[in-house]
PDB file of N, CA and C in Angstrom:
ATOM      1  N   MET A   1    -184.838 153.826 -38.778  1.00  0.00           N
ATOM      2  CA  MET A   1    -184.716 152.516 -38.276  1.00  0.00           C
ATOM      3  C   MET A   1    -186.093 151.868 -38.339  1.00  0.00           C
ATOM      4  N   ALA A   2    -186.191 150.600 -38.799  1.00  0.00           N
ATOM      5  CA  ALA A   2    -187.451 149.881 -38.886  1.00  0.00           C
ATOM      6  C   ALA A   2    -187.904 149.414 -37.512  1.00  0.00           C
ATOM      7  N   ARG A   3    -189.170 149.452 -37.241  1.00  0.00           N
ATOM      8  CA  ARG A   3    -189.866 149.101 -36.069  1.00  0.00           C
ATOM      9  C   ARG A   3    -190.293 147.617 -36.200  1.00  0.00           C
ATOM     10  N   ILE A   4    -190.057 146.854 -35.262  1.00  0.00           N
ATOM     11  CA  ILE A   4    -190.462 145.370 -35.276  1.00  0.00           C
ATOM     12  C   ILE A   4    -191.617 145.187 -34.408  1.00  0.00           C
ATOM     13  N   GLN A   5    -192.769 144.669 -34.875  1.00  0.00           N
ATOM     14  CA  GLN A   5    -193.859 144.451 -34.083  1.00  0.00           C
ATOM     15  C   GLN A   5    -193.808 143.044 -33.529  1.00  0.00           C
ATOM     16  N   ALA A   6    -194.129 142.841 -32.276  1.00  0.00           N
ATOM     17  CA  ALA A   6    -194.045 141.591 -31.702  1.00  0.00           C
ATOM     18  C   ALA A   6    -195.529 141.033 -31.574  1.00  0.00           C
ATOM     19  N   SER A   7    -195.697 139.749 -32.143  1.00  0.00           N
ATOM     20  CA  SER A   7    -197.040 139.121 -31.985  1.00  0.00           C
ATOM     21  C   SER A   7    -196.787 137.653 -32.140  1.00  0.00           C
ATOM     22  N   GLY A   8    -197.790 136.874 -31.599  1.00  0.00           N
ATOM     23  CA  GLY A   8    -197.691 135.381 -31.735  1.00  0.00           C
ATOM     24  C   GLY A   8    -197.780 134.858 -33.165  1.00  0.00           C
ATOM     25  N   ASP A   9    -198.435 135.543 -34.069  1.00  0.00           N
ATOM     26  CA  ASP A   9    -198.697 135.103 -35.386  1.00  0.00           C
ATOM     27  C   ASP A   9    -197.909 136.058 -36.257  1.00  0.00           C
ATOM     28  N   ARG A  10    -196.607 136.157 -36.045  1.00  0.00           N
ATOM     29  CA  ARG A  10    -195.858 137.138 -36.739  1.00  0.00           C
ATOM     30  C   ARG A  10    -195.759 136.796 -38.293  1.00  0.00           C
ATOM     31  N   GLN A  11    -195.907 137.780 -39.122  1.00  0.00           N
ATOM     32  CA  GLN A  11    -195.792 137.624 -40.615  1.00  0.00           C
ATOM     33  C   GLN A  11    -194.638 138.431 -41.032  1.00  0.00           C
ATOM     34  N   PHE A  12    -193.731 137.774 -41.745  1.00  0.00           N
ATOM     35  CA  PHE A  12    -192.549 138.554 -42.206  1.00  0.00           C
ATOM     36  C   PHE A  12    -192.723 138.770 -43.751  1.00  0.00           C
ATOM     37  N   SER A  13    -193.226 139.966 -44.016  1.00  0.00           N
ATOM     38  CA  SER A  13    -193.334 140.274 -45.452  1.00  0.00           C
ATOM     39  C   SER A  13    -191.897 140.456 -46.087  1.00  0.00           C
ATOM     40  N   GLY A  14    -191.783 139.838 -47.169  1.00  0.00           N
ATOM     41  CA  GLY A  14    -190.483 139.866 -47.774  1.00  0.00           C
ATOM     42  C   GLY A  14    -189.369 139.033 -47.122  1.00  0.00           C
ATOM     43  N   GLY A  15    -189.612 138.460 -46.007  1.00  0.00           N
ATOM     44  CA  GLY A  15    -188.609 137.685 -45.283  1.00  0.00           C
ATOM     45  C   GLY A  15    -189.009 136.259 -45.163  1.00  0.00           C
ATOM     46  N   THR A  16    -189.978 135.851 -45.856  1.00  0.00           N
ATOM     47  CA  THR A  16    -190.440 134.454 -45.787  1.00  0.00           C
ATOM     48  C   THR A  16    -189.319 133.473 -46.220  1.00  0.00           C
ATOM     49  N   ASP A  17    -188.615 133.722 -47.299  1.00  0.00           N
ATOM     50  CA  ASP A  17    -187.565 132.863 -47.758  1.00  0.00           C
ATOM     51  C   ASP A  17    -186.405 132.763 -46.659  1.00  0.00           C
ATOM     52  N   ILE A  18    -186.062 133.940 -46.104  1.00  0.00           N
ATOM     53  CA  ILE A  18    -185.091 133.927 -45.008  1.00  0.00           C
ATOM     54  C   ILE A  18    -185.516 133.182 -43.872  1.00  0.00           C
ATOM     55  N   TRP A  19    -186.732 133.299 -43.401  1.00  0.00           N
ATOM     56  CA  TRP A  19    -187.209 132.612 -42.280  1.00  0.00           C
ATOM     57  C   TRP A  19    -187.239 131.113 -42.572  1.00  0.00           C
ATOM     58  N   ASN A  20    -187.699 130.700 -43.818  1.00  0.00           N
ATOM     59  CA  ASN A  20    -187.724 129.240 -44.048  1.00  0.00           C
ATOM     60  C   ASN A  20    -186.386 128.607 -44.058  1.00  0.00           C
ATOM     61  N   SER A  21    -185.326 129.444 -44.671  1.00  0.00           N
ATOM     62  CA  SER A  21    -183.960 128.858 -44.664  1.00  0.00           C
ATOM     63  C   SER A  21    -183.439 128.782 -43.222  1.00  0.00           C
ATOM     64  N   LEU A  22    -183.758 129.770 -42.417  1.00  0.00           N
ATOM     65  CA  LEU A  22    -183.226 129.768 -41.028  1.00  0.00           C
ATOM     66  C   LEU A  22    -183.919 128.658 -40.203  1.00  0.00           C
ATOM     67  N   LYS A  23    -185.221 128.473 -40.462  1.00  0.00           N
ATOM     68  CA  LYS A  23    -185.935 127.399 -39.747  1.00  0.00           C
ATOM     69  C   LYS A  23    -185.265 126.020 -40.180  1.00  0.00           C
ATOM     70  N   CYS A  24    -185.103 125.785 -41.391  1.00  0.00           N
ATOM     71  CA  CYS A  24    -184.476 124.517 -41.817  1.00  0.00           C
ATOM     72  C   CYS A  24    -183.081 124.336 -41.183  1.00  0.00           C
ATOM     73  N   ALA A  25    -182.325 125.446 -41.151  1.00  0.00           N
ATOM     74  CA  ALA A  25    -180.954 125.305 -40.574  1.00  0.00           C
ATOM     75  C   ALA A  25    -180.990 125.010 -39.102  1.00  0.00           C
ATOM     76  N   ILE A  26    -182.003 125.608 -38.397  1.00  0.00           N
ATOM     77  CA  ILE A  26    -182.138 125.312 -36.941  1.00  0.00           C
ATOM     78  C   ILE A  26    -182.601 123.882 -36.812  1.00  0.00           C
ATOM     79  N   ALA A  27    -183.490 123.425 -37.557  1.00  0.00           N
ATOM     80  CA  ALA A  27    -184.056 122.014 -37.401  1.00  0.00           C
ATOM     81  C   ALA A  27    -182.970 121.030 -37.685  1.00  0.00           C
ATOM     82  N   ALA A  28    -181.996 121.321 -38.578  1.00  0.00           N
ATOM     83  CA  ALA A  28    -180.913 120.500 -38.861  1.00  0.00           C
ATOM     84  C   ALA A  28    -179.792 120.436 -37.843  1.00  0.00           C
ATOM     85  N   SER A  29    -179.878 121.394 -36.906  1.00  0.00           N
ATOM     86  CA  SER A  29    -178.737 121.501 -35.984  1.00  0.00           C
ATOM     87  C   SER A  29    -178.780 120.393 -34.920  1.00  0.00           C
ATOM     88  N   SER A  30    -177.658 120.064 -34.269  1.00  0.00           N
ATOM     89  CA  SER A  30    -177.514 119.013 -33.357  1.00  0.00           C
ATOM     90  C   SER A  30    -178.258 119.448 -32.023  1.00  0.00           C
ATOM     91  N   GLY A  31    -178.226 120.747 -31.678  1.00  0.00           N
ATOM     92  CA  GLY A  31    -178.912 121.264 -30.453  1.00  0.00           C
ATOM     93  C   GLY A  31    -180.329 121.066 -30.646  1.00  0.00           C
ATOM     94  N   PHE A  32    -181.024 121.391 -31.799  1.00  0.00           N
ATOM     95  CA  PHE A  32    -182.415 121.186 -32.009  1.00  0.00           C
ATOM     96  C   PHE A  32    -182.760 119.765 -31.954  1.00  0.00           C
ATOM     97  N   GLN A  33    -181.979 118.943 -32.617  1.00  0.00           N
ATOM     98  CA  GLN A  33    -182.277 117.494 -32.650  1.00  0.00           C
ATOM     99  C   GLN A  33    -182.278 116.885 -31.277  1.00  0.00           C
ATOM    100  N   THR A  34    -181.333 117.272 -30.447  1.00  0.00           N
ATOM    101  CA  THR A  34    -181.240 116.817 -29.093  1.00  0.00           C
ATOM    102  C   THR A  34    -182.450 117.292 -28.304  1.00  0.00           C
ATOM    103  N   TRP A  35    -182.776 118.641 -28.358  1.00  0.00           N
ATOM    104  CA  TRP A  35    -183.914 119.194 -27.685  1.00  0.00           C
ATOM    105  C   TRP A  35    -185.224 118.487 -28.077  1.00  0.00           C
ATOM    106  N   LEU A  36    -185.290 118.197 -29.375  1.00  0.00           N
ATOM    107  CA  LEU A  36    -186.559 117.471 -29.876  1.00  0.00           C
ATOM    108  C   LEU A  36    -186.587 116.172 -29.399  1.00  0.00           C
ATOM    109  N   TYR A  37    -185.553 115.368 -29.293  1.00  0.00           N
ATOM    110  CA  TYR A  37    -185.429 114.013 -28.751  1.00  0.00           C
ATOM    111  C   TYR A  37    -185.963 113.948 -27.316  1.00  0.00           C
ATOM    112  N   GLU A  38    -185.627 114.968 -26.591  1.00  0.00           N
ATOM    113  CA  GLU A  38    -185.891 115.075 -25.195  1.00  0.00           C
ATOM    114  C   GLU A  38    -187.359 115.283 -24.901  1.00  0.00           C
ATOM    115  N   ARG A  39    -188.131 115.722 -25.927  1.00  0.00           N
ATOM    116  CA  ARG A  39    -189.577 116.006 -25.796  1.00  0.00           C
ATOM    117  C   ARG A  39    -190.237 114.660 -25.969  1.00  0.00           C
ATOM    118  N   ASP A  40    -191.527 114.717 -25.522  1.00  0.00           N
ATOM    119  CA  ASP A  40    -192.470 113.591 -25.603  1.00  0.00           C
ATOM    120  C   ASP A  40    -192.886 113.391 -27.109  1.00  0.00           C
ATOM    121  N   ALA A  41    -193.275 112.209 -27.354  1.00  0.00           N
ATOM    122  CA  ALA A  41    -193.672 111.849 -28.771  1.00  0.00           C
ATOM    123  C   ALA A  41    -194.835 112.633 -29.293  1.00  0.00           C
ATOM    124  N   GLN A  42    -195.682 113.091 -28.474  1.00  0.00           N
ATOM    125  CA  GLN A  42    -196.846 113.930 -28.880  1.00  0.00           C
ATOM    126  C   GLN A  42    -196.401 115.288 -29.502  1.00  0.00           C
ATOM    127  N   PHE A  43    -195.357 115.870 -28.727  1.00  0.00           N
ATOM    128  CA  PHE A  43    -194.854 117.150 -29.291  1.00  0.00           C
ATOM    129  C   PHE A  43    -194.138 116.981 -30.537  1.00  0.00           C
ATOM    130  N   GLN A  44    -193.590 115.802 -30.870  1.00  0.00           N
ATOM    131  CA  GLN A  44    -192.849 115.637 -32.064  1.00  0.00           C
ATOM    132  C   GLN A  44    -193.759 115.641 -33.350  1.00  0.00           C
ATOM    133  N   GLN A  45    -195.129 115.573 -33.034  1.00  0.00           N
ATOM    134  CA  GLN A  45    -196.070 115.550 -34.120  1.00  0.00           C
ATOM    135  C   GLN A  45    -196.465 116.950 -34.452  1.00  0.00           C
ATOM    136  N   VAL A  46    -196.069 117.910 -33.653  1.00  0.00           N
ATOM    137  CA  VAL A  46    -196.364 119.385 -33.914  1.00  0.00           C
ATOM    138  C   VAL A  46    -195.615 119.791 -35.157  1.00  0.00           C
ATOM    139  N   ASN A  47    -196.118 120.661 -35.848  1.00  0.00           N
ATOM    140  CA  ASN A  47    -195.446 121.201 -37.085  1.00  0.00           C
ATOM    141  C   ASN A  47    -194.152 121.832 -36.860  1.00  0.00           C
ATOM    142  N   LEU A  48    -193.253 121.777 -37.742  1.00  0.00           N
ATOM    143  CA  LEU A  48    -191.815 122.315 -37.619  1.00  0.00           C
ATOM    144  C   LEU A  48    -191.879 123.789 -37.157  1.00  0.00           C
ATOM    145  N   GLU A  49    -192.754 124.543 -37.763  1.00  0.00           N
ATOM    146  CA  GLU A  49    -192.826 126.012 -37.390  1.00  0.00           C
ATOM    147  C   GLU A  49    -192.922 126.202 -35.830  1.00  0.00           C
ATOM    148  N   GLN A  50    -193.866 125.422 -35.209  1.00  0.00           N
ATOM    149  CA  GLN A  50    -194.165 125.562 -33.813  1.00  0.00           C
ATOM    150  C   GLN A  50    -192.969 125.011 -32.968  1.00  0.00           C
ATOM    151  N   GLN A  51    -192.446 123.837 -33.513  1.00  0.00           N
ATOM    152  CA  GLN A  51    -191.268 123.310 -32.750  1.00  0.00           C
ATOM    153  C   GLN A  51    -190.122 124.259 -32.792  1.00  0.00           C
ATOM    154  N   VAL A  52    -189.752 124.858 -33.868  1.00  0.00           N
ATOM    155  CA  VAL A  52    -188.679 125.813 -33.934  1.00  0.00           C
ATOM    156  C   VAL A  52    -188.953 127.075 -33.087  1.00  0.00           C
ATOM    157  N   GLN A  53    -190.167 127.550 -33.065  1.00  0.00           N
ATOM    158  CA  GLN A  53    -190.481 128.724 -32.359  1.00  0.00           C
ATOM    159  C   GLN A  53    -190.296 128.467 -30.827  1.00  0.00           C
ATOM    160  N   ARG A  54    -190.819 127.205 -30.407  1.00  0.00           N
ATOM    161  CA  ARG A  54    -190.699 126.832 -29.035  1.00  0.00           C
ATOM    162  C   ARG A  54    -189.220 126.668 -28.562  1.00  0.00           C
ATOM    163  N   TYR A  55    -188.443 126.001 -29.428  1.00  0.00           N
ATOM    164  CA  TYR A  55    -187.032 125.810 -29.308  1.00  0.00           C
ATOM    165  C   TYR A  55    -186.324 127.227 -29.041  1.00  0.00           C
ATOM    166  N   LEU A  56    -186.558 128.157 -29.929  1.00  0.00           N
ATOM    167  CA  LEU A  56    -185.910 129.321 -29.846  1.00  0.00           C
ATOM    168  C   LEU A  56    -186.339 130.102 -28.558  1.00  0.00           C
ATOM    169  N   ARG A  57    -187.660 130.004 -28.238  1.00  0.00           N
ATOM    170  CA  ARG A  57    -188.119 130.721 -27.047  1.00  0.00           C
ATOM    171  C   ARG A  57    -187.409 130.170 -25.771  1.00  0.00           C
ATOM    172  N   GLU A  58    -187.368 128.779 -25.677  1.00  0.00           N
ATOM    173  CA  GLU A  58    -186.769 128.140 -24.490  1.00  0.00           C
ATOM    174  C   GLU A  58    -185.311 128.403 -24.528  1.00  0.00           C
ATOM    175  N   THR A  59    -184.620 128.448 -25.580  1.00  0.00           N
ATOM    176  CA  THR A  59    -183.225 128.646 -25.622  1.00  0.00           C
ATOM    177  C   THR A  59    -182.916 130.132 -25.183  1.00  0.00           C
ATOM    178  N   LEU A  60    -183.710 131.008 -25.723  1.00  0.00           N
ATOM    179  CA  LEU A  60    -183.490 132.466 -25.223  1.00  0.00           C
ATOM    180  C   LEU A  60    -183.834 132.646 -23.784  1.00  0.00           C
ATOM    181  N   GLU A  61    -184.890 131.931 -23.231  1.00  0.00           N
ATOM    182  CA  GLU A  61    -185.129 132.121 -21.799  1.00  0.00           C
ATOM    183  C   GLU A  61    -184.065 131.548 -20.988  1.00  0.00           C
ATOM    184  N   THR A  62    -183.504 130.404 -21.476  1.00  0.00           N
ATOM    185  CA  THR A  62    -182.299 129.905 -20.684  1.00  0.00           C
ATOM    186  C   THR A  62    -181.142 130.799 -20.711  1.00  0.00           C
ATOM    187  N   LEU A  63    -180.846 131.474 -21.791  1.00  0.00           N
ATOM    188  CA  LEU A  63    -179.676 132.335 -21.942  1.00  0.00           C
ATOM    189  C   LEU A  63    -179.997 133.642 -21.105  1.00  0.00           C
ATOM    190  N   ALA A  64    -181.248 134.054 -21.007  1.00  0.00           N
ATOM    191  CA  ALA A  64    -181.559 135.272 -20.394  1.00  0.00           C
ATOM    192  C   ALA A  64    -181.484 135.056 -18.822  1.00  0.00           C
ATOM    193  N   TYR A  65    -181.625 133.828 -18.458  1.00  0.00           N
ATOM    194  CA  TYR A  65    -181.571 133.472 -17.074  1.00  0.00           C
ATOM    195  C   TYR A  65    -180.225 133.538 -16.513  1.00  0.00           C
TER     196      TYR A  65
END
């Protein structure tokens, strides 16, 4: 079984294409679009990578609650 390391600057060797496809699919989703719309204009200038990571983090925190 492969071990997954957790870090803020996660690098997915061999999984970059998968992550990029997933990131684009998430960004195109209505849930993400609504979430982004509810954020202030300054946050909307942050790069897509950071937006998707924050969206996933907040979504998982909400589900875990």
